[in-house]
């Protein structure tokens, strides 16, 4: 008599579509929340659908679910905005993330001899949440909590890369302010550069925000799934002479941060291994 066939493979096969469905739902909810963040206030369902790239009926269902948990607030006249529960969680996450990344960017600053920092996307700008300054005579530093432009900084480009084009356009607006002769002021040109950032894994500021100052940044996600940016900034002569070393140091620091936050085991490792391979190619 033949032994009974195990039902385990069949159960696993049934579980896979359910797991994919849950991941898709989370991804769509995140797209709605990011679209609301870009609006910096109330937004209509149509505006959210346009920025997120999702069908309007899908947006309506997601908004209803998020409103039930107070992640968004709905006003019949004005529309939808981010809710109090999301704000509370985000505030705690930012505090925790700063504490987690600080020792790692301290090491990065010591290794490179340059200022290292972590930024997050907030109110249409990149905002410093942590910074480490090396022990040397001439350093470049910014205040933690200070906002910087998205289009003309390495941190900003790293935060924008990978976002839907509609959301990027909503965050940037129609006019890109020129800070130096190297600043990109065309949205179309910036979108092309963001595609390259996503492909390479690195974003650059080649004297685009401040004359004589360059920077390199890498995007990463914290434990909440929020996109953050890790960067090194230096005077142009030192930057160009040490760029390969900065790239390698950034990649190591990013990996250490993701290991500390638990994101190294969340299934996103393959693209990042490819980026690391480009360093040694």
C-alpha atoms as a PDB file:
ATOM      1  CA  UNK A   1       0.000   0.000   0.000  1.00  0.00           C
ATOM      2  CA  UNK A   2       1.447   3.340  -1.035  1.00  0.00           C
ATOM      3  CA  UNK A   3       1.975   5.948   1.706  1.00  0.00           C
ATOM      4  CA  UNK A   4      -0.485   8.870   1.656  1.00  0.00           C
ATOM      5  CA  UNK A   5       0.677  11.925  -0.239  1.00  0.00           C
ATOM      6  CA  UNK A   6       1.607  14.912   1.867  1.00  0.00           C
ATOM      7  CA  UNK A   7      -0.672  17.946   1.631  1.00  0.00           C
ATOM      8  CA  UNK A   8       2.160  20.338   2.613  1.00  0.00           C
ATOM      9  CA  UNK A   9       3.221  21.314  -0.962  1.00  0.00           C
ATOM     10  CA  UNK A  10      -0.414  21.954  -1.892  1.00  0.00           C
ATOM     11  CA  UNK A  11      -0.867  24.153   1.185  1.00  0.00           C
ATOM     12  CA  UNK A  12       2.282  26.103   0.338  1.00  0.00           C
ATOM     13  CA  UNK A  13       1.047  26.610  -3.236  1.00  0.00           C
ATOM     14  CA  UNK A  14      -2.214  28.055  -1.915  1.00  0.00           C
ATOM     15  CA  UNK A  15      -0.390  30.294   0.556  1.00  0.00           C
ATOM     16  CA  UNK A  16       1.830  31.954  -2.062  1.00  0.00           C
ATOM     17  CA  UNK A  17      -0.951  33.889  -3.866  1.00  0.00           C
ATOM     18  CA  UNK A  18      -2.317  35.015  -0.495  1.00  0.00           C
ATOM     19  CA  UNK A  19       1.118  36.279   0.536  1.00  0.00           C
ATOM     20  CA  UNK A  20       1.553  38.118  -2.777  1.00  0.00           C
ATOM     21  CA  UNK A  21      -1.882  39.679  -2.322  1.00  0.00           C
ATOM     22  CA  UNK A  22      -0.968  40.957   1.134  1.00  0.00           C
ATOM     23  CA  UNK A  23       2.304  42.419  -0.138  1.00  0.00           C
ATOM     24  CA  UNK A  24       0.460  44.136  -3.004  1.00  0.00           C
ATOM     25  CA  UNK A  25      -2.072  45.611  -0.574  1.00  0.00           C
ATOM     26  CA  UNK A  26       0.702  46.991   1.641  1.00  0.00           C
ATOM     27  CA  UNK A  27       2.500  48.424  -1.393  1.00  0.00           C
ATOM     28  CA  UNK A  28      -0.662  50.170  -2.586  1.00  0.00           C
ATOM     29  CA  UNK A  29      -1.405  51.579   0.861  1.00  0.00           C
ATOM     30  CA  UNK A  30       2.158  52.920   0.987  1.00  0.00           C
ATOM     31  CA  UNK A  31       1.661  54.565  -2.425  1.00  0.00           C
ATOM     32  CA  UNK A  32      -1.474  56.328  -1.141  1.00  0.00           C
ATOM     33  CA  UNK A  33       0.322  57.546   1.994  1.00  0.00           C
ATOM     34  CA  UNK A  34       3.280  58.850  -0.032  1.00  0.00           C
ATOM     35  CA  UNK A  35       0.902  60.668  -2.371  1.00  0.00           C
ATOM     36  CA  UNK A  36      -0.711  62.365   0.638  1.00  0.00           C
ATOM     37  CA  UNK A  37       2.703  63.285   2.022  1.00  0.00           C
ATOM     38  CA  UNK A  38       3.516  65.018  -1.255  1.00  0.00           C
ATOM     39  CA  UNK A  39       0.357  67.134  -1.054  1.00  0.00           C
ATOM     40  CA  UNK A  40       1.306  68.620   2.365  1.00  0.00           C
ATOM     41  CA  UNK A  41      -2.375  68.947   3.251  1.00  0.00           C
ATOM     42  CA  UNK A  42      -5.735  67.753   1.967  1.00  0.00           C
ATOM     43  CA  UNK A  43      -5.977  65.948  -1.378  1.00  0.00           C
ATOM     44  CA  UNK A  44      -8.887  64.697  -3.457  1.00  0.00           C
ATOM     45  CA  UNK A  45      -9.223  61.055  -4.465  1.00  0.00           C
ATOM     46  CA  UNK A  46      -8.400  62.092  -8.022  1.00  0.00           C
ATOM     47  CA  UNK A  47      -5.175  63.792  -6.928  1.00  0.00           C
ATOM     48  CA  UNK A  48      -4.163  60.727  -4.917  1.00  0.00           C
ATOM     49  CA  UNK A  49      -4.924  58.426  -7.851  1.00  0.00           C
ATOM     50  CA  UNK A  50      -2.880  60.585 -10.227  1.00  0.00           C
ATOM     51  CA  UNK A  51       0.130  60.798  -7.889  1.00  0.00           C
ATOM     52  CA  UNK A  52       0.095  57.120  -6.886  1.00  0.00           C
ATOM     53  CA  UNK A  53      -0.755  55.653 -10.291  1.00  0.00           C
ATOM     54  CA  UNK A  54      -3.608  53.621  -8.756  1.00  0.00           C
ATOM     55  CA  UNK A  55      -7.203  53.421 -10.045  1.00  0.00           C
ATOM     56  CA  UNK A  56      -9.602  55.710  -8.211  1.00  0.00           C
ATOM     57  CA  UNK A  57     -11.821  52.844  -6.879  1.00  0.00           C
ATOM     58  CA  UNK A  58      -8.703  51.212  -5.418  1.00  0.00           C
ATOM     59  CA  UNK A  59      -7.721  54.505  -3.789  1.00  0.00           C
ATOM     60  CA  UNK A  60     -11.214  54.807  -2.286  1.00  0.00           C
ATOM     61  CA  UNK A  61     -11.016  51.330  -0.705  1.00  0.00           C
ATOM     62  CA  UNK A  62      -7.542  51.962   0.693  1.00  0.00           C
ATOM     63  CA  UNK A  63      -8.527  55.371   2.087  1.00  0.00           C
ATOM     64  CA  UNK A  64     -11.554  53.817   3.824  1.00  0.00           C
ATOM     65  CA  UNK A  65      -9.345  51.159   5.439  1.00  0.00           C
ATOM     66  CA  UNK A  66      -6.690  53.676   6.499  1.00  0.00           C
ATOM     67  CA  UNK A  67      -9.321  56.043   7.896  1.00  0.00           C
ATOM     68  CA  UNK A  68     -10.721  53.251  10.083  1.00  0.00           C
ATOM     69  CA  UNK A  69      -7.291  52.999  11.745  1.00  0.00           C
ATOM     70  CA  UNK A  70      -6.798  56.815  11.872  1.00  0.00           C
ATOM     71  CA  UNK A  71      -3.847  56.646   9.482  1.00  0.00           C
ATOM     72  CA  UNK A  72      -5.683  59.219   7.357  1.00  0.00           C
ATOM     73  CA  UNK A  73      -8.345  61.821   8.126  1.00  0.00           C
ATOM     74  CA  UNK A  74     -11.249  62.412   5.735  1.00  0.00           C
ATOM     75  CA  UNK A  75     -13.155  65.681   5.419  1.00  0.00           C
ATOM     76  CA  UNK A  76     -16.192  65.609   3.071  1.00  0.00           C
ATOM     77  CA  UNK A  77     -15.468  69.114   1.786  1.00  0.00           C
ATOM     78  CA  UNK A  78     -11.661  69.269   1.754  1.00  0.00           C
ATOM     79  CA  UNK A  79     -10.593  65.693   1.046  1.00  0.00           C
ATOM     80  CA  UNK A  80      -8.045  63.353   2.634  1.00  0.00           C
ATOM     81  CA  UNK A  81      -4.930  64.055   4.656  1.00  0.00           C
ATOM     82  CA  UNK A  82      -2.470  62.117   6.819  1.00  0.00           C
ATOM     83  CA  UNK A  83      -3.997  61.143  10.156  1.00  0.00           C
ATOM     84  CA  UNK A  84      -2.915  61.449  13.802  1.00  0.00           C
ATOM     85  CA  UNK A  85      -2.017  57.782  14.278  1.00  0.00           C
ATOM     86  CA  UNK A  86       0.426  57.841  11.376  1.00  0.00           C
ATOM     87  CA  UNK A  87       1.995  61.033  12.706  1.00  0.00           C
ATOM     88  CA  UNK A  88       2.492  59.459  16.132  1.00  0.00           C
ATOM     89  CA  UNK A  89       4.122  56.338  14.704  1.00  0.00           C
ATOM     90  CA  UNK A  90       6.288  58.326  12.287  1.00  0.00           C
ATOM     91  CA  UNK A  91       7.571  60.575  15.071  1.00  0.00           C
ATOM     92  CA  UNK A  92       8.620  57.563  17.137  1.00  0.00           C
ATOM     93  CA  UNK A  93      10.223  55.928  14.098  1.00  0.00           C
ATOM     94  CA  UNK A  94      12.332  59.003  13.310  1.00  0.00           C
ATOM     95  CA  UNK A  95      13.617  59.170  16.888  1.00  0.00           C
ATOM     96  CA  UNK A  96      14.472  55.465  16.912  1.00  0.00           C
ATOM     97  CA  UNK A  97      16.122  55.615  13.485  1.00  0.00           C
ATOM     98  CA  UNK A  98      18.380  58.506  14.488  1.00  0.00           C
ATOM     99  CA  UNK A  99      19.587  56.528  17.502  1.00  0.00           C
ATOM    100  CA  UNK A 100      20.181  53.424  15.380  1.00  0.00           C
ATOM    101  CA  UNK A 101      22.111  55.113  12.568  1.00  0.00           C
ATOM    102  CA  UNK A 102      24.277  57.454  14.668  1.00  0.00           C
ATOM    103  CA  UNK A 103      27.062  54.978  15.570  1.00  0.00           C
ATOM    104  CA  UNK A 104      27.202  53.783  11.973  1.00  0.00           C
ATOM    105  CA  UNK A 105      27.546  57.245  10.448  1.00  0.00           C
ATOM    106  CA  UNK A 106      30.101  58.076  13.164  1.00  0.00           C
ATOM    107  CA  UNK A 107      32.150  55.185  11.767  1.00  0.00           C
ATOM    108  CA  UNK A 108      31.511  56.369   8.210  1.00  0.00           C
ATOM    109  CA  UNK A 109      32.753  59.872   9.028  1.00  0.00           C
ATOM    110  CA  UNK A 110      35.903  58.445  10.634  1.00  0.00           C
ATOM    111  CA  UNK A 111      36.530  56.103   7.702  1.00  0.00           C
ATOM    112  CA  UNK A 112      36.069  58.742   4.988  1.00  0.00           C
ATOM    113  CA  UNK A 113      37.300  61.775   6.913  1.00  0.00           C
ATOM    114  CA  UNK A 114      34.192  63.639   5.697  1.00  0.00           C
ATOM    115  CA  UNK A 115      30.762  64.599   7.019  1.00  0.00           C
ATOM    116  CA  UNK A 116      28.212  61.769   6.911  1.00  0.00           C
ATOM    117  CA  UNK A 117      24.464  62.152   7.311  1.00  0.00           C
ATOM    118  CA  UNK A 118      21.059  60.496   7.071  1.00  0.00           C
ATOM    119  CA  UNK A 119      18.011  62.312   5.707  1.00  0.00           C
ATOM    120  CA  UNK A 120      14.317  61.518   5.284  1.00  0.00           C
ATOM    121  CA  UNK A 121      11.599  62.949   3.052  1.00  0.00           C
ATOM    122  CA  UNK A 122       9.450  65.483   4.884  1.00  0.00           C
ATOM    123  CA  UNK A 123       7.279  68.377   3.632  1.00  0.00           C
ATOM    124  CA  UNK A 124       8.677  68.314   0.070  1.00  0.00           C
ATOM    125  CA  UNK A 125      12.294  68.472   1.269  1.00  0.00           C
ATOM    126  CA  UNK A 126      15.092  66.225   2.477  1.00  0.00           C
ATOM    127  CA  UNK A 127      15.529  66.711   6.226  1.00  0.00           C
ATOM    128  CA  UNK A 128      18.603  65.756   8.264  1.00  0.00           C
ATOM    129  CA  UNK A 129      17.810  63.408  11.165  1.00  0.00           C
ATOM    130  CA  UNK A 130      21.406  62.454  12.022  1.00  0.00           C
ATOM    131  CA  UNK A 131      24.894  63.724  11.198  1.00  0.00           C
ATOM    132  CA  UNK A 132      28.506  62.881  12.015  1.00  0.00           C
ATOM    133  CA  UNK A 133      31.389  65.317  11.576  1.00  0.00           C
ATOM    134  CA  UNK A 134      35.017  64.116  11.310  1.00  0.00           C
ATOM    135  CA  UNK A 135      37.897  65.470  13.339  1.00  0.00           C
ATOM    136  CA  UNK A 136      39.638  67.655  10.782  1.00  0.00           C
ATOM    137  CA  UNK A 137      40.281  71.351  10.179  1.00  0.00           C
ATOM    138  CA  UNK A 138      37.897  71.996   7.273  1.00  0.00           C
ATOM    139  CA  UNK A 139      34.556  70.182   7.337  1.00  0.00           C
ATOM    140  CA  UNK A 140      31.131  70.734   5.815  1.00  0.00           C
ATOM    141  CA  UNK A 141      28.186  70.374   8.186  1.00  0.00           C
ATOM    142  CA  UNK A 142      24.476  71.146   8.379  1.00  0.00           C
ATOM    143  CA  UNK A 143      22.049  71.394  11.284  1.00  0.00           C
ATOM    144  CA  UNK A 144      20.045  68.281  12.191  1.00  0.00           C
ATOM    145  CA  UNK A 145      16.420  69.049  11.384  1.00  0.00           C
ATOM    146  CA  UNK A 146      17.339  71.448   8.583  1.00  0.00           C
ATOM    147  CA  UNK A 147      15.588  70.943   5.212  1.00  0.00           C
ATOM    148  CA  UNK A 148      17.479  70.852   1.910  1.00  0.00           C
ATOM    149  CA  UNK A 149      16.125  70.817  -1.674  1.00  0.00           C
ATOM    150  CA  UNK A 150      15.262  67.534  -3.337  1.00  0.00           C
ATOM    151  CA  UNK A 151      16.324  68.317  -6.909  1.00  0.00           C
ATOM    152  CA  UNK A 152      19.801  69.760  -6.315  1.00  0.00           C
ATOM    153  CA  UNK A 153      21.213  67.505  -3.582  1.00  0.00           C
ATOM    154  CA  UNK A 154      22.469  63.927  -3.545  1.00  0.00           C
ATOM    155  CA  UNK A 155      20.255  63.158  -0.552  1.00  0.00           C
ATOM    156  CA  UNK A 156      17.194  64.534  -2.292  1.00  0.00           C
ATOM    157  CA  UNK A 157      17.799  62.568  -5.482  1.00  0.00           C
ATOM    158  CA  UNK A 158      18.342  59.368  -3.493  1.00  0.00           C
ATOM    159  CA  UNK A 159      14.983  59.912  -1.765  1.00  0.00           C
ATOM    160  CA  UNK A 160      13.180  60.573  -5.061  1.00  0.00           C
ATOM    161  CA  UNK A 161      14.672  57.654  -7.011  1.00  0.00           C
ATOM    162  CA  UNK A 162      12.239  54.773  -7.291  1.00  0.00           C
ATOM    163  CA  UNK A 163       9.118  56.846  -6.594  1.00  0.00           C
ATOM    164  CA  UNK A 164       6.349  56.954  -9.192  1.00  0.00           C
ATOM    165  CA  UNK A 165       6.808  59.750 -11.726  1.00  0.00           C
ATOM    166  CA  UNK A 166       3.502  61.349 -10.732  1.00  0.00           C
ATOM    167  CA  UNK A 167       4.582  61.500  -7.110  1.00  0.00           C
ATOM    168  CA  UNK A 168       7.989  62.940  -8.035  1.00  0.00           C
ATOM    169  CA  UNK A 169       6.344  65.667 -10.109  1.00  0.00           C
ATOM    170  CA  UNK A 170       3.954  66.434  -7.269  1.00  0.00           C
ATOM    171  CA  UNK A 171       6.831  66.752  -4.801  1.00  0.00           C
ATOM    172  CA  UNK A 172       8.915  68.956  -7.097  1.00  0.00           C
ATOM    173  CA  UNK A 173       6.271  71.246  -8.547  1.00  0.00           C
ATOM    174  CA  UNK A 174       6.807  72.876 -11.931  1.00  0.00           C
ATOM    175  CA  UNK A 175       9.796  75.114 -11.164  1.00  0.00           C
ATOM    176  CA  UNK A 176      13.205  73.880 -10.004  1.00  0.00           C
ATOM    177  CA  UNK A 177      15.178  76.657  -8.326  1.00  0.00           C
ATOM    178  CA  UNK A 178      18.711  77.232  -9.617  1.00  0.00           C
ATOM    179  CA  UNK A 179      21.370  77.397  -6.880  1.00  0.00           C
ATOM    180  CA  UNK A 180      24.513  77.109  -9.033  1.00  0.00           C
ATOM    181  CA  UNK A 181      25.366  76.864 -12.723  1.00  0.00           C
ATOM    182  CA  UNK A 182      25.267  73.059 -12.378  1.00  0.00           C
ATOM    183  CA  UNK A 183      21.752  72.855 -10.904  1.00  0.00           C
ATOM    184  CA  UNK A 184      19.296  70.801 -12.945  1.00  0.00           C
ATOM    185  CA  UNK A 185      16.268  73.005 -13.613  1.00  0.00           C
ATOM    186  CA  UNK A 186      14.400  70.736 -16.055  1.00  0.00           C
ATOM    187  CA  UNK A 187      12.014  68.186 -14.534  1.00  0.00           C
ATOM    188  CA  UNK A 188      12.458  65.960 -17.596  1.00  0.00           C
ATOM    189  CA  UNK A 189      16.243  65.992 -17.209  1.00  0.00           C
ATOM    190  CA  UNK A 190      15.965  65.290 -13.489  1.00  0.00           C
ATOM    191  CA  UNK A 191      13.634  62.331 -14.090  1.00  0.00           C
ATOM    192  CA  UNK A 192      16.235  60.860 -16.452  1.00  0.00           C
ATOM    193  CA  UNK A 193      18.908  61.251 -13.780  1.00  0.00           C
ATOM    194  CA  UNK A 194      16.652  59.651 -11.157  1.00  0.00           C
ATOM    195  CA  UNK A 195      16.265  56.609 -13.410  1.00  0.00           C
ATOM    196  CA  UNK A 196      20.061  56.373 -13.502  1.00  0.00           C
ATOM    197  CA  UNK A 197      20.213  56.723  -9.707  1.00  0.00           C
ATOM    198  CA  UNK A 198      17.788  53.828  -9.360  1.00  0.00           C
ATOM    199  CA  UNK A 199      19.863  51.730 -11.771  1.00  0.00           C
ATOM    200  CA  UNK A 200      23.254  52.485 -10.204  1.00  0.00           C
ATOM    201  CA  UNK A 201      22.214  52.754  -6.554  1.00  0.00           C
ATOM    202  CA  UNK A 202      24.061  56.062  -6.043  1.00  0.00           C
ATOM    203  CA  UNK A 203      22.994  59.718  -6.326  1.00  0.00           C
ATOM    204  CA  UNK A 204      25.379  62.629  -6.842  1.00  0.00           C
ATOM    205  CA  UNK A 205      25.508  66.359  -6.213  1.00  0.00           C
ATOM    206  CA  UNK A 206      28.251  67.761  -8.437  1.00  0.00           C
ATOM    207  CA  UNK A 207      28.327  71.332  -7.157  1.00  0.00           C
ATOM    208  CA  UNK A 208      24.595  71.599  -7.888  1.00  0.00           C
ATOM    209  CA  UNK A 209      23.552  73.044  -4.521  1.00  0.00           C
ATOM    210  CA  UNK A 210      26.745  74.842  -3.427  1.00  0.00           C
ATOM    211  CA  UNK A 211      29.770  75.869  -5.491  1.00  0.00           C
ATOM    212  CA  UNK A 212      32.853  73.863  -4.534  1.00  0.00           C
ATOM    213  CA  UNK A 213      30.887  71.174  -2.662  1.00  0.00           C
ATOM    214  CA  UNK A 214      30.025  67.663  -3.886  1.00  0.00           C
ATOM    215  CA  UNK A 215      28.141  64.773  -2.306  1.00  0.00           C
ATOM    216  CA  UNK A 216      27.233  61.140  -2.870  1.00  0.00           C
ATOM    217  CA  UNK A 217      24.198  59.396  -1.382  1.00  0.00           C
ATOM    218  CA  UNK A 218      22.535  55.980  -1.289  1.00  0.00           C
ATOM    219  CA  UNK A 219      18.866  55.247  -0.599  1.00  0.00           C
ATOM    220  CA  UNK A 220      17.843  52.655   1.981  1.00  0.00           C
ATOM    221  CA  UNK A 221      14.664  51.704   3.820  1.00  0.00           C
ATOM    222  CA  UNK A 222      14.207  51.706   7.563  1.00  0.00           C
ATOM    223  CA  UNK A 223      12.252  49.105   9.525  1.00  0.00           C
ATOM    224  CA  UNK A 224       8.958  50.895   8.754  1.00  0.00           C
ATOM    225  CA  UNK A 225       9.637  50.794   5.002  1.00  0.00           C
ATOM    226  CA  UNK A 226      10.349  54.528   4.857  1.00  0.00           C
ATOM    227  CA  UNK A 227      12.936  55.548   2.260  1.00  0.00           C
ATOM    228  CA  UNK A 228      15.965  57.274   3.802  1.00  0.00           C
ATOM    229  CA  UNK A 229      19.223  58.557   2.365  1.00  0.00           C
ATOM    230  CA  UNK A 230      22.783  58.000   3.569  1.00  0.00           C
ATOM    231  CA  UNK A 231      25.386  60.480   2.328  1.00  0.00           C
ATOM    232  CA  UNK A 232      28.938  61.762   2.402  1.00  0.00           C
ATOM    233  CA  UNK A 233      29.703  65.403   1.533  1.00  0.00           C
ATOM    234  CA  UNK A 234      33.121  66.905   0.816  1.00  0.00           C
ATOM    235  CA  UNK A 235      34.883  69.824  -0.891  1.00  0.00           C
ATOM    236  CA  UNK A 236      35.116  69.150  -4.623  1.00  0.00           C
ATOM    237  CA  UNK A 237      38.880  68.401  -4.810  1.00  0.00           C
ATOM    238  CA  UNK A 238      38.728  65.838  -1.978  1.00  0.00           C
ATOM    239  CA  UNK A 239      35.495  64.377  -3.331  1.00  0.00           C
ATOM    240  CA  UNK A 240      36.803  63.701  -6.827  1.00  0.00           C
ATOM    241  CA  UNK A 241      40.052  62.216  -5.535  1.00  0.00           C
ATOM    242  CA  UNK A 242      38.263  59.793  -3.192  1.00  0.00           C
ATOM    243  CA  UNK A 243      35.004  58.973  -4.991  1.00  0.00           C
ATOM    244  CA  UNK A 244      35.641  55.228  -5.373  1.00  0.00           C
ATOM    245  CA  UNK A 245      36.534  54.975  -1.679  1.00  0.00           C
ATOM    246  CA  UNK A 246      33.389  56.917  -0.704  1.00  0.00           C
ATOM    247  CA  UNK A 247      31.185  54.582  -2.761  1.00  0.00           C
ATOM    248  CA  UNK A 248      32.586  51.493  -1.089  1.00  0.00           C
ATOM    249  CA  UNK A 249      32.355  53.020   2.399  1.00  0.00           C
ATOM    250  CA  UNK A 250      28.744  54.097   1.824  1.00  0.00           C
ATOM    251  CA  UNK A 251      27.745  50.605   0.684  1.00  0.00           C
ATOM    252  CA  UNK A 252      29.309  49.019   3.773  1.00  0.00           C
ATOM    253  CA  UNK A 253      27.648  51.539   6.079  1.00  0.00           C
ATOM    254  CA  UNK A 254      24.269  51.049   4.386  1.00  0.00           C
ATOM    255  CA  UNK A 255      24.551  47.287   4.834  1.00  0.00           C
ATOM    256  CA  UNK A 256      25.437  47.732   8.520  1.00  0.00           C
ATOM    257  CA  UNK A 257      22.435  50.013   9.090  1.00  0.00           C
ATOM    258  CA  UNK A 258      20.068  47.594   7.366  1.00  0.00           C
ATOM    259  CA  UNK A 259      21.430  44.748   9.462  1.00  0.00           C
ATOM    260  CA  UNK A 260      20.838  46.810  12.612  1.00  0.00           C
ATOM    261  CA  UNK A 261      17.255  47.662  11.600  1.00  0.00           C
ATOM    262  CA  UNK A 262      16.420  44.149  10.426  1.00  0.00           C
ATOM    263  CA  UNK A 263      15.912  45.242   6.818  1.00  0.00           C
ATOM    264  CA  UNK A 264      18.778  43.050   5.574  1.00  0.00           C
ATOM    265  CA  UNK A 265      16.462  40.019   5.799  1.00  0.00           C
ATOM    266  CA  UNK A 266      13.326  41.435   4.202  1.00  0.00           C
ATOM    267  CA  UNK A 267      13.857  40.109   0.689  1.00  0.00           C
ATOM    268  CA  UNK A 268      15.424  43.205  -0.916  1.00  0.00           C
ATOM    269  CA  UNK A 269      19.013  41.985  -0.891  1.00  0.00           C
ATOM    270  CA  UNK A 270      19.433  40.974  -4.546  1.00  0.00           C
ATOM    271  CA  UNK A 271      19.290  44.478  -6.087  1.00  0.00           C
ATOM    272  CA  UNK A 272      21.688  45.739  -3.446  1.00  0.00           C
ATOM    273  CA  UNK A 273      24.160  42.925  -4.081  1.00  0.00           C
ATOM    274  CA  UNK A 274      24.084  43.969  -7.716  1.00  0.00           C
ATOM    275  CA  UNK A 275      24.886  47.553  -6.715  1.00  0.00           C
ATOM    276  CA  UNK A 276      27.757  46.314  -4.563  1.00  0.00           C
ATOM    277  CA  UNK A 277      29.061  44.231  -7.472  1.00  0.00           C
ATOM    278  CA  UNK A 278      29.267  47.392  -9.589  1.00  0.00           C
ATOM    279  CA  UNK A 279      31.725  48.815  -7.074  1.00  0.00           C
ATOM    280  CA  UNK A 280      34.225  46.054  -7.755  1.00  0.00           C
ATOM    281  CA  UNK A 281      33.513  45.603 -11.473  1.00  0.00           C
END
